[in-house]
Amino acid sequence: MCLAVPMMIKSVDGYAAVCEAKGIEREVSLFMLQDEPLAPGDHVLVHVGYAIQKVSEEEARLTWELFEEILEHA
């Protein structure tokens, strides 16, 4: 099973970005989204260090709500 985590872009430097989720920051490659305009404040789905899809803030929030609900019942 593959899992992508929604993260917010904090800064962009070429094809690299610093992204944040739940207080954790990670360096993320934007190489797979090089044709997508991305800027700080945008949300992306991150899988193994690569941003694979741009998502809305609402989609990111809803995804985190689902993750939290799953963890409550685990």
N, C-alpha and C. Protein backbone atom coordinates (compact mmCIF):
# COMPACT_ATOMS: atom_id res chain seq x y z
N MET A 1 0.84 -1.17 0.00
CA MET A 1 0.00 0.00 0.00
C MET A 1 0.89 1.24 0.00
N CYS A 2 0.52 2.21 -0.77
CA CYS A 2 1.24 3.48 -0.82
C CYS A 2 0.46 4.53 -0.05
N LEU A 3 1.19 5.41 0.60
CA LEU A 3 0.54 6.47 1.37
C LEU A 3 1.21 7.79 1.05
N ALA A 4 0.43 8.77 0.68
CA ALA A 4 0.93 10.12 0.44
C ALA A 4 0.36 11.02 1.53
N VAL A 5 1.21 11.88 2.05
CA VAL A 5 0.85 12.75 3.16
C VAL A 5 0.72 14.18 2.66
N PRO A 6 -0.38 14.86 2.99
CA PRO A 6 -0.51 16.26 2.59
C PRO A 6 0.41 17.15 3.43
N MET A 7 1.12 18.03 2.74
CA MET A 7 2.03 18.96 3.41
C MET A 7 1.89 20.33 2.78
N MET A 8 2.19 21.37 3.56
CA MET A 8 2.15 22.73 3.05
C MET A 8 3.57 23.17 2.71
N ILE A 9 3.72 23.79 1.56
CA ILE A 9 5.03 24.29 1.13
C ILE A 9 5.36 25.55 1.94
N LYS A 10 6.53 25.53 2.57
CA LYS A 10 7.00 26.69 3.34
C LYS A 10 7.93 27.56 2.50
N SER A 11 8.79 26.91 1.68
CA SER A 11 9.71 27.65 0.81
C SER A 11 10.06 26.79 -0.39
N VAL A 12 10.42 27.45 -1.48
CA VAL A 12 10.77 26.76 -2.72
C VAL A 12 12.13 27.27 -3.20
N ASP A 13 12.98 26.32 -3.62
CA ASP A 13 14.28 26.64 -4.19
C ASP A 13 14.49 25.71 -5.38
N GLY A 14 14.13 26.18 -6.56
CA GLY A 14 14.22 25.33 -7.75
C GLY A 14 13.24 24.18 -7.66
N TYR A 15 13.78 22.94 -7.74
CA TYR A 15 12.93 21.76 -7.63
C TYR A 15 12.91 21.19 -6.22
N ALA A 16 13.35 21.97 -5.25
CA ALA A 16 13.33 21.54 -3.84
C ALA A 16 12.44 22.48 -3.05
N ALA A 17 11.79 21.91 -2.05
CA ALA A 17 10.93 22.71 -1.19
C ALA A 17 11.07 22.23 0.24
N VAL A 18 10.85 23.13 1.17
CA VAL A 18 10.68 22.75 2.56
C VAL A 18 9.18 22.74 2.80
N CYS A 19 8.68 21.58 3.25
CA CYS A 19 7.25 21.42 3.48
C CYS A 19 7.01 21.08 4.95
N GLU A 20 5.80 21.40 5.42
CA GLU A 20 5.46 21.20 6.82
C GLU A 20 4.11 20.53 6.95
N ALA A 21 4.03 19.62 7.92
CA ALA A 21 2.76 18.99 8.30
C ALA A 21 2.82 18.64 9.76
N LYS A 22 1.83 19.06 10.52
CA LYS A 22 1.74 18.73 11.94
C LYS A 22 3.00 19.12 12.71
N GLY A 23 3.62 20.24 12.32
CA GLY A 23 4.80 20.73 13.02
C GLY A 23 6.11 20.09 12.59
N ILE A 24 6.06 19.17 11.65
CA ILE A 24 7.26 18.49 11.15
C ILE A 24 7.62 19.08 9.79
N GLU A 25 8.88 19.47 9.62
CA GLU A 25 9.35 19.99 8.33
C GLU A 25 10.23 18.96 7.65
N ARG A 26 10.10 18.87 6.34
CA ARG A 26 10.89 17.95 5.53
C ARG A 26 11.28 18.65 4.23
N GLU A 27 12.44 18.28 3.70
CA GLU A 27 12.80 18.72 2.36
C GLU A 27 12.15 17.76 1.37
N VAL A 28 11.49 18.33 0.37
CA VAL A 28 10.70 17.56 -0.59
C VAL A 28 11.13 17.93 -2.00
N SER A 29 11.22 16.93 -2.87
CA SER A 29 11.52 17.18 -4.28
C SER A 29 10.24 17.57 -5.02
N LEU A 30 10.34 18.63 -5.80
CA LEU A 30 9.21 19.06 -6.64
C LEU A 30 9.39 18.62 -8.08
N PHE A 31 10.39 17.78 -8.35
CA PHE A 31 10.73 17.40 -9.71
C PHE A 31 9.54 16.82 -10.47
N MET A 32 8.72 16.02 -9.83
CA MET A 32 7.60 15.39 -10.52
C MET A 32 6.48 16.38 -10.85
N LEU A 33 6.53 17.57 -10.26
CA LEU A 33 5.50 18.59 -10.52
C LEU A 33 6.11 19.82 -11.18
N GLN A 34 7.16 19.62 -11.96
CA GLN A 34 7.88 20.77 -12.52
C GLN A 34 7.03 21.62 -13.46
N ASP A 35 5.94 21.10 -14.00
CA ASP A 35 5.07 21.89 -14.87
C ASP A 35 3.93 22.56 -14.10
N GLU A 36 3.87 22.32 -12.79
CA GLU A 36 2.81 22.88 -11.95
C GLU A 36 3.34 24.12 -11.23
N PRO A 37 2.64 25.24 -11.31
CA PRO A 37 3.11 26.41 -10.55
C PRO A 37 2.91 26.18 -9.05
N LEU A 38 4.01 26.20 -8.29
CA LEU A 38 3.95 25.95 -6.86
C LEU A 38 4.62 27.10 -6.12
N ALA A 39 4.06 27.46 -4.97
CA ALA A 39 4.58 28.57 -4.19
C ALA A 39 4.33 28.30 -2.71
N PRO A 40 5.04 29.00 -1.84
CA PRO A 40 4.77 28.85 -0.40
C PRO A 40 3.28 29.07 -0.11
N GLY A 41 2.76 28.22 0.75
CA GLY A 41 1.33 28.26 1.07
C GLY A 41 0.52 27.23 0.32
N ASP A 42 1.05 26.72 -0.80
CA ASP A 42 0.37 25.65 -1.54
C ASP A 42 0.49 24.34 -0.77
N HIS A 43 -0.44 23.42 -1.05
CA HIS A 43 -0.43 22.11 -0.43
C HIS A 43 -0.16 21.05 -1.49
N VAL A 44 0.65 20.06 -1.11
CA VAL A 44 0.99 18.96 -2.01
C VAL A 44 0.89 17.65 -1.26
N LEU A 45 0.66 16.57 -2.02
CA LEU A 45 0.74 15.23 -1.45
C LEU A 45 2.17 14.76 -1.62
N VAL A 46 2.77 14.25 -0.53
CA VAL A 46 4.17 13.85 -0.55
C VAL A 46 4.26 12.35 -0.30
N HIS A 47 4.99 11.67 -1.19
CA HIS A 47 5.23 10.23 -1.08
C HIS A 47 6.73 9.99 -1.21
N VAL A 48 7.32 9.37 -0.22
CA VAL A 48 8.76 9.07 -0.15
C VAL A 48 9.64 10.24 -0.60
N GLY A 49 9.31 11.44 -0.13
CA GLY A 49 10.15 12.60 -0.38
C GLY A 49 9.86 13.35 -1.67
N TYR A 50 8.87 12.92 -2.42
CA TYR A 50 8.50 13.57 -3.68
C TYR A 50 7.08 14.12 -3.60
N ALA A 51 6.90 15.36 -4.01
CA ALA A 51 5.55 15.90 -4.16
C ALA A 51 4.97 15.28 -5.43
N ILE A 52 3.82 14.62 -5.29
CA ILE A 52 3.25 13.92 -6.44
C ILE A 52 1.98 14.56 -6.97
N GLN A 53 1.38 15.46 -6.20
CA GLN A 53 0.13 16.09 -6.65
C GLN A 53 -0.12 17.35 -5.83
N LYS A 54 -0.57 18.40 -6.48
CA LYS A 54 -1.00 19.61 -5.78
C LYS A 54 -2.45 19.40 -5.36
N VAL A 55 -2.78 19.80 -4.13
CA VAL A 55 -4.15 19.67 -3.63
C VAL A 55 -4.57 20.99 -2.99
N SER A 56 -5.85 21.13 -2.80
CA SER A 56 -6.35 22.34 -2.15
C SER A 56 -6.13 22.25 -0.64
N GLU A 57 -6.20 23.38 0.02
CA GLU A 57 -6.08 23.41 1.48
C GLU A 57 -7.17 22.55 2.11
N GLU A 58 -8.38 22.61 1.56
CA GLU A 58 -9.49 21.82 2.09
C GLU A 58 -9.23 20.32 1.94
N GLU A 59 -8.71 19.89 0.78
CA GLU A 59 -8.40 18.47 0.59
C GLU A 59 -7.34 18.01 1.59
N ALA A 60 -6.34 18.85 1.82
CA ALA A 60 -5.30 18.51 2.79
C ALA A 60 -5.90 18.37 4.19
N ARG A 61 -6.74 19.31 4.58
CA ARG A 61 -7.37 19.27 5.91
C ARG A 61 -8.24 18.04 6.07
N LEU A 62 -9.06 17.73 5.05
CA LEU A 62 -9.94 16.56 5.12
C LEU A 62 -9.13 15.27 5.21
N THR A 63 -8.03 15.20 4.50
CA THR A 63 -7.18 14.01 4.55
C THR A 63 -6.62 13.82 5.95
N TRP A 64 -6.13 14.91 6.57
CA TRP A 64 -5.62 14.79 7.93
C TRP A 64 -6.72 14.39 8.91
N GLU A 65 -7.93 14.88 8.71
CA GLU A 65 -9.05 14.48 9.57
C GLU A 65 -9.31 12.98 9.46
N LEU A 66 -9.23 12.45 8.24
CA LEU A 66 -9.42 11.00 8.05
C LEU A 66 -8.30 10.21 8.71
N PHE A 67 -7.05 10.66 8.56
CA PHE A 67 -5.92 9.98 9.21
C PHE A 67 -6.13 9.94 10.72
N GLU A 68 -6.55 11.06 11.31
CA GLU A 68 -6.75 11.13 12.75
C GLU A 68 -7.88 10.21 13.19
N GLU A 69 -8.94 10.13 12.39
CA GLU A 69 -10.06 9.24 12.72
C GLU A 69 -9.61 7.78 12.68
N ILE A 70 -8.82 7.44 11.69
CA ILE A 70 -8.31 6.07 11.59
C ILE A 70 -7.44 5.73 12.81
N LEU A 71 -6.58 6.66 13.21
CA LEU A 71 -5.69 6.42 14.35
C LEU A 71 -6.47 6.29 15.66
N GLU A 72 -7.59 6.98 15.77
CA GLU A 72 -8.41 6.86 16.97
C GLU A 72 -8.96 5.46 17.14
N HIS A 73 -9.20 4.77 16.04
CA HIS A 73 -9.81 3.44 16.08
C HIS A 73 -8.79 2.31 15.93
N ALA A 74 -7.53 2.67 15.88
CA ALA A 74 -6.49 1.64 15.69
C ALA A 74 -6.14 0.97 17.00
